[in-house]
Protein backbone atom coordinates (compact mmCIF):
# COMPACT_ATOMS: atom_id res chain seq x y z
CA UNK A 1 0.11 0.16 0.22
CA UNK A 2 1.31 3.31 -0.72
CA UNK A 3 2.08 5.97 1.95
CA UNK A 4 -0.84 8.27 2.36
CA UNK A 5 1.32 11.41 1.99
CA UNK A 6 1.43 10.03 -2.05
CA UNK A 7 -2.35 9.93 -2.06
CA UNK A 8 -4.54 12.89 -3.31
CA UNK A 9 -6.89 14.19 -0.82
CA UNK A 10 -9.88 12.58 -2.65
CA UNK A 11 -8.07 9.24 -2.59
CA UNK A 12 -7.44 9.50 1.03
CA UNK A 13 -11.31 10.14 1.66
CA UNK A 14 -11.99 7.19 -0.41
CA UNK A 15 -9.86 4.77 1.47
CA UNK A 16 -11.20 6.12 4.84
CA UNK A 17 -14.93 5.84 3.55
CA UNK A 18 -14.03 2.10 2.41
CA UNK A 19 -12.57 1.27 5.95
CA UNK A 20 -15.62 2.81 7.75
CA UNK A 21 -17.92 0.64 5.42
CA UNK A 22 -15.78 -2.64 6.36
CA UNK A 23 -15.91 -1.46 10.22
CA UNK A 24 -19.75 -1.06 9.51
CA UNK A 25 -19.65 2.50 10.77
CA UNK A 26 -21.20 3.63 7.67
CA UNK A 27 -24.30 1.47 7.53
CA UNK A 28 -27.82 3.13 8.04
CA UNK A 29 -29.20 0.82 10.61
CA UNK A 30 -32.73 1.86 11.02
CA UNK A 31 -34.70 0.58 14.23
CA UNK A 32 -37.70 -1.47 13.10
CA UNK A 33 -39.18 -1.52 16.56
CA UNK A 34 -39.39 -0.21 20.23
CA UNK A 35 -36.09 -1.01 21.82
CA UNK A 36 -37.25 -0.71 25.28
CA UNK A 37 -39.93 -3.53 24.73
CA UNK A 38 -36.95 -5.15 23.07
CA UNK A 39 -34.74 -5.11 26.25
CA UNK A 40 -37.62 -6.94 28.14
CA UNK A 41 -37.73 -9.66 25.63
CA UNK A 42 -33.74 -9.91 25.81
CA UNK A 43 -33.41 -9.91 29.56
CA UNK A 44 -37.00 -12.01 29.95
CA UNK A 45 -39.00 -13.94 27.47
CA UNK A 46 -36.62 -14.54 24.96
CA UNK A 47 -33.91 -15.77 27.46
CA UNK A 48 -30.99 -14.21 25.35
CA UNK A 49 -29.16 -12.91 28.40
CA UNK A 50 -28.98 -16.20 30.03
CA UNK A 51 -25.89 -16.66 27.60
CA UNK A 52 -25.35 -13.10 25.75
CA UNK A 53 -24.20 -9.78 27.32
CA UNK A 54 -25.34 -6.52 26.16
CA UNK A 55 -24.53 -3.11 27.58
CA UNK A 56 -22.52 -4.90 30.35
CA UNK A 57 -25.20 -7.06 31.41
CA UNK A 58 -26.22 -10.78 31.04
CA UNK A 59 -24.56 -14.12 30.67
CA UNK A 60 -21.18 -14.90 29.16
CA UNK A 61 -21.49 -18.31 27.75
CA UNK A 62 -22.17 -17.00 24.43
CA UNK A 63 -20.65 -13.71 22.61
CA UNK A 64 -21.24 -10.18 23.99
CA UNK A 65 -23.77 -8.40 21.63
CA UNK A 66 -23.04 -4.91 22.80
CA UNK A 67 -21.82 -3.79 19.58
CA UNK A 68 -23.12 -6.51 17.17
CA UNK A 69 -25.85 -3.88 15.94
CA UNK A 70 -23.18 -1.40 14.67
CA UNK A 71 -21.74 -3.67 12.20
CA UNK A 72 -24.99 -5.55 11.17
CA UNK A 73 -28.13 -4.37 9.41
CA UNK A 74 -31.46 -4.83 10.96
CA UNK A 75 -32.22 -7.66 8.44
CA UNK A 76 -29.00 -9.40 9.15
CA UNK A 77 -29.58 -9.21 12.76
CA UNK A 78 -33.25 -10.79 12.35
CA UNK A 79 -31.53 -13.38 10.32
CA UNK A 80 -29.18 -14.39 12.92
CA UNK A 81 -31.85 -14.72 15.34
CA UNK A 82 -34.57 -16.69 13.52
CA UNK A 83 -32.20 -18.83 11.02
CA UNK A 84 -29.91 -20.31 13.72
CA UNK A 85 -27.92 -22.97 11.95
CA UNK A 86 -26.51 -25.84 14.16
CA UNK A 87 -24.06 -26.87 11.34
CA UNK A 88 -22.48 -23.44 11.46
CA UNK A 89 -19.12 -23.22 12.83
CA UNK A 90 -20.33 -20.00 14.67
CA UNK A 91 -22.63 -21.85 16.75
CA UNK A 92 -21.09 -23.05 20.08
CA UNK A 93 -22.28 -26.55 20.75
CA UNK A 94 -22.89 -27.90 24.22
CA UNK A 95 -20.39 -30.62 25.38
CA UNK A 96 -20.63 -33.32 27.90
CA UNK A 97 -17.61 -34.39 30.05
CA UNK A 98 -17.70 -37.55 31.90
CA UNK A 99 -14.89 -38.02 34.21
CA UNK A 100 -13.42 -41.73 35.11
CA UNK A 101 -15.05 -41.35 38.77
CA UNK A 102 -18.49 -40.72 37.02
CA UNK A 103 -19.29 -37.02 37.31
CA UNK A 104 -20.97 -35.42 34.54
CA UNK A 105 -20.40 -31.67 33.40
CA UNK A 106 -22.23 -29.79 30.79
CA UNK A 107 -21.21 -26.72 29.33
CA UNK A 108 -18.99 -25.15 26.58
CA UNK A 109 -15.34 -25.76 25.83
CA UNK A 110 -13.33 -22.73 26.31
CA UNK A 111 -9.95 -24.53 25.57
CA UNK A 112 -8.65 -27.66 25.12
CA UNK A 113 -4.95 -28.86 24.09
CA UNK A 114 -3.42 -32.33 24.17
CA UNK A 115 -3.23 -32.66 27.74
CA UNK A 116 -6.24 -30.59 29.28
CA UNK A 117 -9.72 -29.26 28.68
CA UNK A 118 -11.53 -26.32 30.46
CA UNK A 119 -15.23 -26.33 30.41
CA UNK A 120 -17.49 -23.58 31.28
CA UNK A 121 -20.92 -24.62 32.78
CA UNK A 122 -24.09 -22.41 32.10
CA UNK A 123 -23.46 -21.09 35.83
CA UNK A 124 -20.18 -19.60 34.74
CA UNK A 125 -17.93 -22.07 36.80
CA UNK A 126 -14.91 -23.06 35.13
CA UNK A 127 -13.94 -26.81 35.39
CA UNK A 128 -10.45 -27.79 34.49
CA UNK A 129 -9.36 -31.44 33.54
CA UNK A 130 -6.39 -33.21 32.74
CA UNK A 131 -7.07 -35.65 29.82
CA UNK A 132 -6.20 -38.55 32.04
CA UNK A 133 -9.08 -37.68 34.22
CA UNK A 134 -11.70 -37.74 31.14
CA UNK A 135 -13.55 -41.10 30.53
CA UNK A 136 -15.28 -39.52 27.49
CA UNK A 137 -16.30 -36.34 26.06
CA UNK A 138 -19.09 -35.78 23.50
CA UNK A 139 -20.17 -32.36 21.63
CA UNK A 140 -24.06 -32.42 21.40
CA UNK A 141 -25.75 -31.54 18.00
CA UNK A 142 -27.52 -29.00 20.26
CA UNK A 143 -26.39 -25.77 20.03
CA UNK A 144 -26.99 -22.92 22.84
CA UNK A 145 -28.69 -20.88 20.59
CA UNK A 146 -32.42 -21.72 20.56
CA UNK A 147 -33.92 -22.56 16.98
CA UNK A 148 -37.25 -21.77 17.66
CA UNK A 149 -37.19 -17.79 17.84
CA UNK A 150 -39.12 -17.54 14.54
CA UNK A 151 -42.08 -19.11 16.12
CA UNK A 152 -41.63 -18.35 19.76
CA UNK A 153 -41.63 -14.43 19.04
CA UNK A 154 -44.06 -12.69 17.20
CA UNK A 155 -42.74 -10.27 14.21
CA UNK A 156 -43.40 -7.27 16.38
CA UNK A 157 -41.15 -8.69 19.22
CA UNK A 158 -38.38 -9.80 16.77
CA UNK A 159 -38.40 -6.03 15.56
CA UNK A 160 -38.36 -4.71 18.95
CA UNK A 161 -35.32 -7.11 19.78
CA UNK A 162 -33.38 -6.01 16.82
CA UNK A 163 -34.06 -2.50 17.71
CA UNK A 164 -32.61 -2.99 21.37
CA UNK A 165 -29.48 -4.47 19.96
CA UNK A 166 -29.01 -1.77 17.52
CA UNK A 167 -29.58 1.15 20.23
CA UNK A 168 -27.22 -0.88 22.45
CA UNK A 169 -24.67 -0.82 19.85
CA UNK A 170 -24.99 3.09 19.26
CA UNK A 171 -24.63 3.89 22.87
CA UNK A 172 -21.43 1.67 22.91
CA UNK A 173 -19.85 3.75 20.09
CA UNK A 174 -17.22 6.01 20.88
CA UNK A 175 -18.05 9.68 20.51
CA UNK A 176 -16.83 11.24 17.27
CA UNK A 177 -13.70 13.09 17.32
CA UNK A 178 -13.93 16.80 16.94
CA UNK A 179 -11.91 18.37 13.87
CA UNK A 180 -9.57 20.18 16.32
CA UNK A 181 -8.48 17.00 18.34
């Protein structure tokens, strides 16, 4: 890539605009519903907060969604909610670990190497195992993400949930710098 001083001002602006598109900062994200009601759905009925965090609240088994709405359109967010694909590499599958003494642990594998395994259960507890302690380990076909949001939530509830995620992302974005900074 050439040094910026060798580019014309219009070219520098074009590069910056392109980089902002890649960041998702230039997407016009329209809120299709009521974010306040979406928050009650996220932390209540839909149970999203059992696994996901948003604006510093919620679970930590799955990804933090605080900035998700800044890089995805309303349609993309809605699709991610209702079209959960268990075969996707992005989906986290539940794991069952059975130790040699018969204890069973279910959760998300956080780290694994040739000698050890770290499992986080839904209550947040980390369990550390040496491979010699494990009788068997199985990944479930079942993911942590429910596959029934398309039927469990109404169209308006989905719009409200999407709006909540967009509003959280807008609040978590850093304030734009002033020209004189």
